[in-house]
Amino acid sequence: MTTNRKNELIAQLVNILSELIETNDSDQVSEVKSEAVEMLTVKECTEAVKGLSEHTVRKLIKQGKLPYLRTGDGVNGKMLINKADLLAYFNGQTANR
């Protein structure tokens, strides 16, 4: 086999491999789908779980048992709780942090 023929075969292999890599990358990108995250206010938490008071939700947040995000300015901002974390806590599971 001549050197030119070897170089041609190597070039063909490189082209085939690069095409495979491109198609695999595009397949992986299309498979990734984000799940919608539903965030609840303290009041909405009480509506989602029967018998739960706003005071209890705030207490769980302060104790660090329920993760939350604060939107707005400083301590006056709205506290938002992930619905999945809230339901997981009351089902005896740990919250996703």
PDB file of N, CA and C in Angstrom:
ATOM      1  N   MET A   1       0.852  -1.166   0.000  1.00  0.00           N
ATOM      2  CA  MET A   1       0.000   0.000   0.000  1.00  0.00           C
ATOM      3  C   MET A   1       0.906   1.240   0.000  1.00  0.00           C
ATOM      4  N   THR A   2       0.574   2.177  -0.847  1.00  0.00           N
ATOM      5  CA  THR A   2       1.410   3.372  -0.967  1.00  0.00           C
ATOM      6  C   THR A   2       1.058   4.384   0.116  1.00  0.00           C
ATOM      7  N   THR A   3       1.945   5.315   0.317  1.00  0.00           N
ATOM      8  CA  THR A   3       1.736   6.367   1.315  1.00  0.00           C
ATOM      9  C   THR A   3       0.540   7.236   0.943  1.00  0.00           C
ATOM     10  N   ASN A   4       0.387   7.520  -0.329  1.00  0.00           N
ATOM     11  CA  ASN A   4      -0.758   8.321  -0.774  1.00  0.00           C
ATOM     12  C   ASN A   4      -2.077   7.620  -0.465  1.00  0.00           C
ATOM     13  N   ARG A   5      -2.131   6.321  -0.690  1.00  0.00           N
ATOM     14  CA  ARG A   5      -3.351   5.550  -0.425  1.00  0.00           C
ATOM     15  C   ARG A   5      -3.656   5.544   1.071  1.00  0.00           C
ATOM     16  N   LYS A   6      -2.614   5.395   1.899  1.00  0.00           N
ATOM     17  CA  LYS A   6      -2.789   5.429   3.355  1.00  0.00           C
ATOM     18  C   LYS A   6      -3.345   6.781   3.788  1.00  0.00           C
ATOM     19  N   ASN A   7      -2.799   7.856   3.227  1.00  0.00           N
ATOM     20  CA  ASN A   7      -3.267   9.201   3.573  1.00  0.00           C
ATOM     21  C   ASN A   7      -4.726   9.412   3.156  1.00  0.00           C
ATOM     22  N   GLU A   8      -5.107   8.861   1.996  1.00  0.00           N
ATOM     23  CA  GLU A   8      -6.495   8.957   1.547  1.00  0.00           C
ATOM     24  C   GLU A   8      -7.430   8.227   2.505  1.00  0.00           C
ATOM     25  N   LEU A   9      -7.038   7.035   2.926  1.00  0.00           N
ATOM     26  CA  LEU A   9      -7.854   6.257   3.864  1.00  0.00           C
ATOM     27  C   LEU A   9      -7.986   6.970   5.210  1.00  0.00           C
ATOM     28  N   ILE A  10      -6.891   7.537   5.678  1.00  0.00           N
ATOM     29  CA  ILE A  10      -6.920   8.269   6.948  1.00  0.00           C
ATOM     30  C   ILE A  10      -7.847   9.475   6.832  1.00  0.00           C
ATOM     31  N   ALA A  11      -7.777  10.189   5.722  1.00  0.00           N
ATOM     32  CA  ALA A  11      -8.641  11.353   5.508  1.00  0.00           C
ATOM     33  C   ALA A  11     -10.111  10.935   5.481  1.00  0.00           C
ATOM     34  N   GLN A  12     -10.410   9.805   4.839  1.00  0.00           N
ATOM     35  CA  GLN A  12     -11.782   9.312   4.794  1.00  0.00           C
ATOM     36  C   GLN A  12     -12.270   8.931   6.190  1.00  0.00           C
ATOM     37  N   LEU A  13     -11.415   8.278   6.963  1.00  0.00           N
ATOM     38  CA  LEU A  13     -11.776   7.905   8.336  1.00  0.00           C
ATOM     39  C   LEU A  13     -12.043   9.138   9.193  1.00  0.00           C
ATOM     40  N   VAL A  14     -11.203  10.141   9.045  1.00  0.00           N
ATOM     41  CA  VAL A  14     -11.383  11.378   9.809  1.00  0.00           C
ATOM     42  C   VAL A  14     -12.718  12.027   9.450  1.00  0.00           C
ATOM     43  N   ASN A  15     -13.060  12.058   8.173  1.00  0.00           N
ATOM     44  CA  ASN A  15     -14.345  12.629   7.742  1.00  0.00           C
ATOM     45  C   ASN A  15     -15.523  11.854   8.313  1.00  0.00           C
ATOM     46  N   ILE A  16     -15.444  10.539   8.266  1.00  0.00           N
ATOM     47  CA  ILE A  16     -16.527   9.704   8.798  1.00  0.00           C
ATOM     48  C   ILE A  16     -16.673   9.917  10.302  1.00  0.00           C
ATOM     49  N   LEU A  17     -15.563   9.936  11.017  1.00  0.00           N
ATOM     50  CA  LEU A  17     -15.615  10.139  12.465  1.00  0.00           C
ATOM     51  C   LEU A  17     -16.164  11.515  12.822  1.00  0.00           C
ATOM     52  N   SER A  18     -15.753  12.537  12.096  1.00  0.00           N
ATOM     53  CA  SER A  18     -16.251  13.878  12.403  1.00  0.00           C
ATOM     54  C   SER A  18     -17.749  13.982  12.130  1.00  0.00           C
ATOM     55  N   GLU A  19     -18.248  13.303  11.096  1.00  0.00           N
ATOM     56  CA  GLU A  19     -19.686  13.277  10.833  1.00  0.00           C
ATOM     57  C   GLU A  19     -20.430  12.566  11.959  1.00  0.00           C
ATOM     58  N   LEU A  20     -19.871  11.471  12.441  1.00  0.00           N
ATOM     59  CA  LEU A  20     -20.493  10.751  13.557  1.00  0.00           C
ATOM     60  C   LEU A  20     -20.541  11.609  14.809  1.00  0.00           C
ATOM     61  N   ILE A  21     -19.470  12.311  15.079  1.00  0.00           N
ATOM     62  CA  ILE A  21     -19.421  13.170  16.261  1.00  0.00           C
ATOM     63  C   ILE A  21     -20.466  14.270  16.149  1.00  0.00           C
ATOM     64  N   GLU A  22     -20.600  14.882  14.980  1.00  0.00           N
ATOM     65  CA  GLU A  22     -21.584  15.946  14.783  1.00  0.00           C
ATOM     66  C   GLU A  22     -23.002  15.431  14.963  1.00  0.00           C
ATOM     67  N   THR A  23     -23.311  14.258  14.433  1.00  0.00           N
ATOM     68  CA  THR A  23     -24.668  13.728  14.571  1.00  0.00           C
ATOM     69  C   THR A  23     -24.950  13.328  16.013  1.00  0.00           C
ATOM     70  N   ASN A  24     -23.963  12.783  16.716  1.00  0.00           N
ATOM     71  CA  ASN A  24     -24.159  12.433  18.121  1.00  0.00           C
ATOM     72  C   ASN A  24     -24.365  13.673  18.967  1.00  0.00           C
ATOM     73  N   ASP A  25     -23.618  14.738  18.702  1.00  0.00           N
ATOM     74  CA  ASP A  25     -23.775  15.973  19.460  1.00  0.00           C
ATOM     75  C   ASP A  25     -25.160  16.564  19.256  1.00  0.00           C
ATOM     76  N   SER A  26     -25.649  16.556  18.033  1.00  0.00           N
ATOM     77  CA  SER A  26     -26.978  17.115  17.772  1.00  0.00           C
ATOM     78  C   SER A  26     -28.064  16.249  18.403  1.00  0.00           C
ATOM     79  N   ASP A  27     -27.872  14.932  18.449  1.00  0.00           N
ATOM     80  CA  ASP A  27     -28.834  14.049  19.101  1.00  0.00           C
ATOM     81  C   ASP A  27     -28.879  14.311  20.594  1.00  0.00           C
ATOM     82  N   GLN A  28     -27.723  14.494  21.208  1.00  0.00           N
ATOM     83  CA  GLN A  28     -27.668  14.735  22.643  1.00  0.00           C
ATOM     84  C   GLN A  28     -28.308  16.061  22.995  1.00  0.00           C
ATOM     85  N   VAL A  29     -28.116  17.067  22.184  1.00  0.00           N
ATOM     86  CA  VAL A  29     -28.701  18.374  22.457  1.00  0.00           C
ATOM     87  C   VAL A  29     -30.214  18.302  22.373  1.00  0.00           C
ATOM     88  N   SER A  30     -30.734  17.573  21.419  1.00  0.00           N
ATOM     89  CA  SER A  30     -32.181  17.480  21.273  1.00  0.00           C
ATOM     90  C   SER A  30     -32.811  16.662  22.398  1.00  0.00           C
ATOM     91  N   GLU A  31     -32.056  15.766  23.025  1.00  0.00           N
ATOM     92  CA  GLU A  31     -32.594  14.949  24.105  1.00  0.00           C
ATOM     93  C   GLU A  31     -32.719  15.717  25.410  1.00  0.00           C
ATOM     94  N   VAL A  32     -31.939  16.765  25.582  1.00  0.00           N
ATOM     95  CA  VAL A  32     -31.952  17.519  26.829  1.00  0.00           C
ATOM     96  C   VAL A  32     -33.179  18.415  26.856  1.00  0.00           C
ATOM     97  N   LYS A  33     -34.043  18.172  27.811  1.00  0.00           N
ATOM     98  CA  LYS A  33     -35.239  18.996  27.980  1.00  0.00           C
ATOM     99  C   LYS A  33     -35.306  19.422  29.435  1.00  0.00           C
ATOM    100  N   SER A  34     -35.574  20.682  29.652  1.00  0.00           N
ATOM    101  CA  SER A  34     -35.667  21.151  31.026  1.00  0.00           C
ATOM    102  C   SER A  34     -37.100  20.979  31.520  1.00  0.00           C
ATOM    103  N   GLU A  35     -37.192  20.646  32.773  1.00  0.00           N
ATOM    104  CA  GLU A  35     -38.502  20.498  33.380  1.00  0.00           C
ATOM    105  C   GLU A  35     -38.952  21.859  33.896  1.00  0.00           C
ATOM    106  N   ALA A  36     -40.214  22.143  33.746  1.00  0.00           N
ATOM    107  CA  ALA A  36     -40.749  23.402  34.243  1.00  0.00           C
ATOM    108  C   ALA A  36     -40.755  23.370  35.768  1.00  0.00           C
ATOM    109  N   VAL A  37     -40.265  24.438  36.355  1.00  0.00           N
ATOM    110  CA  VAL A  37     -40.219  24.541  37.809  1.00  0.00           C
ATOM    111  C   VAL A  37     -41.347  25.462  38.245  1.00  0.00           C
ATOM    112  N   GLU A  38     -42.201  24.969  39.117  1.00  0.00           N
ATOM    113  CA  GLU A  38     -43.304  25.778  39.613  1.00  0.00           C
ATOM    114  C   GLU A  38     -42.929  26.323  40.981  1.00  0.00           C
ATOM    115  N   MET A  39     -42.892  27.642  41.077  1.00  0.00           N
ATOM    116  CA  MET A  39     -42.554  28.303  42.331  1.00  0.00           C
ATOM    117  C   MET A  39     -43.835  28.849  42.951  1.00  0.00           C
ATOM    118  N   LEU A  40     -43.945  28.697  44.266  1.00  0.00           N
ATOM    119  CA  LEU A  40     -45.133  29.139  44.989  1.00  0.00           C
ATOM    120  C   LEU A  40     -44.775  30.216  45.999  1.00  0.00           C
ATOM    121  N   THR A  41     -45.695  31.149  46.211  1.00  0.00           N
ATOM    122  CA  THR A  41     -45.533  32.109  47.300  1.00  0.00           C
ATOM    123  C   THR A  41     -45.915  31.396  48.594  1.00  0.00           C
ATOM    124  N   VAL A  42     -45.688  32.062  49.715  1.00  0.00           N
ATOM    125  CA  VAL A  42     -46.034  31.462  51.008  1.00  0.00           C
ATOM    126  C   VAL A  42     -47.532  31.171  51.054  1.00  0.00           C
ATOM    127  N   LYS A  43     -48.339  32.103  50.571  1.00  0.00           N
ATOM    128  CA  LYS A  43     -49.791  31.911  50.579  1.00  0.00           C
ATOM    129  C   LYS A  43     -50.199  30.751  49.672  1.00  0.00           C
ATOM    130  N   GLU A  44     -49.573  30.640  48.510  1.00  0.00           N
ATOM    131  CA  GLU A  44     -49.892  29.538  47.595  1.00  0.00           C
ATOM    132  C   GLU A  44     -49.501  28.190  48.188  1.00  0.00           C
ATOM    133  N   CYS A  45     -48.467  28.172  49.034  1.00  0.00           N
ATOM    134  CA  CYS A  45     -48.074  26.927  49.717  1.00  0.00           C
ATOM    135  C   CYS A  45     -49.191  26.444  50.624  1.00  0.00           C
ATOM    136  N   THR A  46     -49.844  27.389  51.300  1.00  0.00           N
ATOM    137  CA  THR A  46     -50.935  27.007  52.202  1.00  0.00           C
ATOM    138  C   THR A  46     -52.120  26.454  51.423  1.00  0.00           C
ATOM    139  N   GLU A  47     -52.292  26.914  50.190  1.00  0.00           N
ATOM    140  CA  GLU A  47     -53.376  26.395  49.354  1.00  0.00           C
ATOM    141  C   GLU A  47     -53.031  25.021  48.775  1.00  0.00           C
ATOM    142  N   ALA A  48     -51.738  24.763  48.573  1.00  0.00           N
ATOM    143  CA  ALA A  48     -51.303  23.491  47.997  1.00  0.00           C
ATOM    144  C   ALA A  48     -51.357  22.356  49.016  1.00  0.00           C
ATOM    145  N   VAL A  49     -51.128  22.680  50.295  1.00  0.00           N
ATOM    146  CA  VAL A  49     -51.139  21.664  51.353  1.00  0.00           C
ATOM    147  C   VAL A  49     -52.224  22.042  52.355  1.00  0.00           C
ATOM    148  N   LYS A  50     -53.242  21.224  52.436  1.00  0.00           N
ATOM    149  CA  LYS A  50     -54.364  21.501  53.342  1.00  0.00           C
ATOM    150  C   LYS A  50     -53.891  21.520  54.790  1.00  0.00           C
ATOM    151  N   GLY A  51     -54.362  22.502  55.552  1.00  0.00           N
ATOM    152  CA  GLY A  51     -54.034  22.596  56.966  1.00  0.00           C
ATOM    153  C   GLY A  51     -52.715  23.279  57.263  1.00  0.00           C
ATOM    154  N   LEU A  52     -52.016  23.726  56.254  1.00  0.00           N
ATOM    155  CA  LEU A  52     -50.727  24.394  56.425  1.00  0.00           C
ATOM    156  C   LEU A  52     -50.961  25.895  56.533  1.00  0.00           C
ATOM    157  N   SER A  53     -50.335  26.513  57.535  1.00  0.00           N
ATOM    158  CA  SER A  53     -50.493  27.961  57.708  1.00  0.00           C
ATOM    159  C   SER A  53     -49.278  28.703  57.168  1.00  0.00           C
ATOM    160  N   GLU A  54     -49.456  29.990  56.891  1.00  0.00           N
ATOM    161  CA  GLU A  54     -48.354  30.823  56.421  1.00  0.00           C
ATOM    162  C   GLU A  54     -47.253  30.875  57.478  1.00  0.00           C
ATOM    163  N   HIS A  55     -47.655  30.915  58.743  1.00  0.00           N
ATOM    164  CA  HIS A  55     -46.679  30.952  59.836  1.00  0.00           C
ATOM    165  C   HIS A  55     -45.791  29.706  59.809  1.00  0.00           C
ATOM    166  N   THR A  56     -46.389  28.545  59.577  1.00  0.00           N
ATOM    167  CA  THR A  56     -45.622  27.296  59.537  1.00  0.00           C
ATOM    168  C   THR A  56     -44.648  27.291  58.367  1.00  0.00           C
ATOM    169  N   VAL A  57     -45.084  27.786  57.220  1.00  0.00           N
ATOM    170  CA  VAL A  57     -44.201  27.839  56.051  1.00  0.00           C
ATOM    171  C   VAL A  57     -43.003  28.733  56.356  1.00  0.00           C
ATOM    172  N   ARG A  58     -43.263  29.916  56.916  1.00  0.00           N
ATOM    173  CA  ARG A  58     -42.166  30.837  57.253  1.00  0.00           C
ATOM    174  C   ARG A  58     -41.225  30.221  58.297  1.00  0.00           C
ATOM    175  N   LYS A  59     -41.800  29.488  59.238  1.00  0.00           N
ATOM    176  CA  LYS A  59     -41.004  28.834  60.280  1.00  0.00           C
ATOM    177  C   LYS A  59     -40.095  27.758  59.674  1.00  0.00           C
ATOM    178  N   LEU A  60     -40.624  26.962  58.760  1.00  0.00           N
ATOM    179  CA  LEU A  60     -39.827  25.928  58.091  1.00  0.00           C
ATOM    180  C   LEU A  60     -38.702  26.554  57.271  1.00  0.00           C
ATOM    181  N   ILE A  61     -38.982  27.686  56.647  1.00  0.00           N
ATOM    182  CA  ILE A  61     -37.951  28.395  55.884  1.00  0.00           C
ATOM    183  C   ILE A  61     -36.862  28.887  56.824  1.00  0.00           C
ATOM    184  N   LYS A  62     -37.261  29.487  57.934  1.00  0.00           N
ATOM    185  CA  LYS A  62     -36.284  30.024  58.893  1.00  0.00           C
ATOM    186  C   LYS A  62     -35.431  28.912  59.500  1.00  0.00           C
ATOM    187  N   GLN A  63     -36.008  27.741  59.716  1.00  0.00           N
ATOM    188  CA  GLN A  63     -35.276  26.606  60.278  1.00  0.00           C
ATOM    189  C   GLN A  63     -34.384  25.925  59.241  1.00  0.00           C
ATOM    190  N   GLY A  64     -34.493  26.332  57.991  1.00  0.00           N
ATOM    191  CA  GLY A  64     -33.675  25.744  56.930  1.00  0.00           C
ATOM    192  C   GLY A  64     -34.195  24.409  56.423  1.00  0.00           C
ATOM    193  N   LYS A  65     -35.404  24.059  56.781  1.00  0.00           N
ATOM    194  CA  LYS A  65     -35.978  22.783  56.355  1.00  0.00           C
ATOM    195  C   LYS A  65     -36.624  22.868  54.975  1.00  0.00           C
ATOM    196  N   LEU A  66     -36.882  24.085  54.531  1.00  0.00           N
ATOM    197  CA  LEU A  66     -37.532  24.301  53.246  1.00  0.00           C
ATOM    198  C   LEU A  66     -36.746  25.358  52.473  1.00  0.00           C
ATOM    199  N   PRO A  67     -36.109  24.975  51.358  1.00  0.00           N
ATOM    200  CA  PRO A  67     -35.331  25.951  50.581  1.00  0.00           C
ATOM    201  C   PRO A  67     -36.256  26.950  49.875  1.00  0.00           C
ATOM    202  N   TYR A  68     -35.753  28.166  49.689  1.00  0.00           N
ATOM    203  CA  TYR A  68     -36.565  29.210  49.068  1.00  0.00           C
ATOM    204  C   TYR A  68     -35.681  30.201  48.329  1.00  0.00           C
ATOM    205  N   LEU A  69     -36.313  31.035  47.529  1.00  0.00           N
ATOM    206  CA  LEU A  69     -35.653  32.157  46.861  1.00  0.00           C
ATOM    207  C   LEU A  69     -36.376  33.418  47.290  1.00  0.00           C
ATOM    208  N   ARG A  70     -35.616  34.483  47.499  1.00  0.00           N
ATOM    209  CA  ARG A  70     -36.246  35.754  47.840  1.00  0.00           C
ATOM    210  C   ARG A  70     -36.114  36.678  46.639  1.00  0.00           C
ATOM    211  N   THR A  71     -37.249  37.195  46.190  1.00  0.00           N
ATOM    212  CA  THR A  71     -37.244  38.145  45.085  1.00  0.00           C
ATOM    213  C   THR A  71     -37.570  39.524  45.629  1.00  0.00           C
ATOM    214  N   GLY A  72     -37.097  40.538  44.975  1.00  0.00           N
ATOM    215  CA  GLY A  72     -37.377  41.893  45.432  1.00  0.00           C
ATOM    216  C   GLY A  72     -36.267  42.420  46.311  1.00  0.00           C
ATOM    217  N   ASP A  73     -36.545  43.524  46.978  1.00  0.00           N
ATOM    218  CA  ASP A  73     -35.542  44.226  47.776  1.00  0.00           C
ATOM    219  C   ASP A  73     -35.505  43.737  49.217  1.00  0.00           C
ATOM    220  N   GLY A  74     -34.341  43.290  49.650  1.00  0.00           N
ATOM    221  CA  GLY A  74     -34.076  42.983  51.057  1.00  0.00           C
ATOM    222  C   GLY A  74     -35.070  42.050  51.702  1.00  0.00           C
ATOM    223  N   VAL A  75     -35.357  42.326  52.983  1.00  0.00           N
ATOM    224  CA  VAL A  75     -36.244  41.456  53.759  1.00  0.00           C
ATOM    225  C   VAL A  75     -37.701  41.612  53.352  1.00  0.00           C
ATOM    226  N   ASN A  76     -38.020  42.635  52.578  1.00  0.00           N
ATOM    227  CA  ASN A  76     -39.399  42.847  52.141  1.00  0.00           C
ATOM    228  C   ASN A  76     -39.724  42.109  50.845  1.00  0.00           C
ATOM    229  N   GLY A  77     -38.750  41.400  50.291  1.00  0.00           N
ATOM    230  CA  GLY A  77     -38.976  40.671  49.043  1.00  0.00           C
ATOM    231  C   GLY A  77     -39.875  39.466  49.242  1.00  0.00           C
ATOM    232  N   LYS A  78     -40.442  39.009  48.155  1.00  0.00           N
ATOM    233  CA  LYS A  78     -41.343  37.857  48.182  1.00  0.00           C
ATOM    234  C   LYS A  78     -40.524  36.575  48.290  1.00  0.00           C
ATOM    235  N   MET A  79     -40.967  35.642  49.138  1.00  0.00           N
ATOM    236  CA  MET A  79     -40.312  34.341  49.268  1.00  0.00           C
ATOM    237  C   MET A  79     -41.011  33.355  48.333  1.00  0.00           C
ATOM    238  N   LEU A  80     -40.220  32.688  47.498  1.00  0.00           N
ATOM    239  CA  LEU A  80     -40.757  31.700  46.569  1.00  0.00           C
ATOM    240  C   LEU A  80     -40.201  30.329  46.906  1.00  0.00           C
ATOM    241  N   ILE A  81     -41.080  29.347  46.962  1.00  0.00           N
ATOM    242  CA  ILE A  81     -40.712  27.980  47.324  1.00  0.00           C
ATOM    243  C   ILE A  81     -41.029  27.074  46.134  1.00  0.00           C
ATOM    244  N   ASN A  82     -40.100  26.185  45.824  1.00  0.00           N
ATOM    245  CA  ASN A  82     -40.311  25.217  44.752  1.00  0.00           C
ATOM    246  C   ASN A  82     -41.412  24.248  45.195  1.00  0.00           C
ATOM    247  N   LYS A  83     -42.430  24.088  44.357  1.00  0.00           N
ATOM    248  CA  LYS A  83     -43.563  23.225  44.706  1.00  0.00           C
ATOM    249  C   LYS A  83     -43.116  21.784  44.939  1.00  0.00           C
ATOM    250  N   ALA A  84     -42.182  21.301  44.128  1.00  0.00           N
ATOM    251  CA  ALA A  84     -41.694  19.927  44.283  1.00  0.00           C
ATOM    252  C   ALA A  84     -41.002  19.752  45.637  1.00  0.00           C
ATOM    253  N   ASP A  85     -40.234  20.774  46.072  1.00  0.00           N
ATOM    254  CA  ASP A  85     -39.568  20.707  47.376  1.00  0.00           C
ATOM    255  C   ASP A  85     -40.585  20.706  48.512  1.00  0.00           C
ATOM    256  N   LEU A  86     -41.619  21.520  48.380  1.00  0.00           N
ATOM    257  CA  LEU A  86     -42.662  21.589  49.408  1.00  0.00           C
ATOM    258  C   LEU A  86     -43.357  20.239  49.554  1.00  0.00           C
ATOM    259  N   LEU A  87     -43.771  19.671  48.431  1.00  0.00           N
ATOM    260  CA  LEU A  87     -44.473  18.386  48.479  1.00  0.00           C
ATOM    261  C   LEU A  87     -43.552  17.262  48.940  1.00  0.00           C
ATOM    262  N   ALA A  88     -42.284  17.321  48.547  1.00  0.00           N
ATOM    263  CA  ALA A  88     -41.320  16.308  48.985  1.00  0.00           C
ATOM    264  C   ALA A  88     -41.132  16.369  50.497  1.00  0.00           C
ATOM    265  N   TYR A  89     -41.073  17.575  51.054  1.00  0.00           N
ATOM    266  CA  TYR A  89     -40.901  17.723  52.504  1.00  0.00           C
ATOM    267  C   TYR A  89     -42.068  17.077  53.251  1.00  0.00           C
ATOM    268  N   PHE A  90     -43.269  17.319  52.784  1.00  0.00           N
ATOM    269  CA  PHE A  90     -44.432  16.775  53.483  1.00  0.00           C
ATOM    270  C   PHE A  90     -44.695  15.307  53.158  1.00  0.00           C
ATOM    271  N   ASN A  91     -43.993  14.767  52.192  1.00  0.00           N
ATOM    272  CA  ASN A  91     -44.054  13.326  51.918  1.00  0.00           C
ATOM    273  C   ASN A  91     -42.924  12.582  52.609  1.00  0.00           C
ATOM    274  N   GLY A  92     -42.146  13.287  53.425  1.00  0.00           N
ATOM    275  CA  GLY A  92     -41.071  12.660  54.183  1.00  0.00           C
ATOM    276  C   GLY A  92     -39.768  12.532  53.434  1.00  0.00           C
ATOM    277  N   GLN A  93     -39.660  13.164  52.271  1.00  0.00           N
ATOM    278  CA  GLN A  93     -38.428  13.114  51.495  1.00  0.00           C
ATOM    279  C   GLN A  93     -37.640  14.390  51.756  1.00  0.00           C
ATOM    280  N   THR A  94     -36.355  14.360  51.412  1.00  0.00           N
ATOM    281  CA  THR A  94     -35.551  15.563  51.567  1.00  0.00           C
ATOM    282  C   THR A  94     -35.750  16.462  50.359  1.00  0.00           C
ATOM    283  N   ALA A  95     -35.620  17.755  50.573  1.00  0.00           N
ATOM    284  CA  ALA A  95     -35.798  18.728  49.496  1.00  0.00           C
ATOM    285  C   ALA A  95     -34.596  18.706  48.569  1.00  0.00           C
ATOM    286  N   ASN A  96     -34.814  19.012  47.287  1.00  0.00           N
ATOM    287  CA  ASN A  96     -33.733  19.097  46.293  1.00  0.00           C
ATOM    288  C   ASN A  96     -33.045  20.434  46.429  1.00  0.00           C
ATOM    289  N   ARG A  97     -31.805  20.402  46.865  1.00  0.00           N
ATOM    290  CA  ARG A  97     -31.074  21.667  47.032  1.00  0.00           C
ATOM    291  C   ARG A  97     -30.046  21.820  45.984  1.00  0.00           C
TER     292      ARG A  97
END
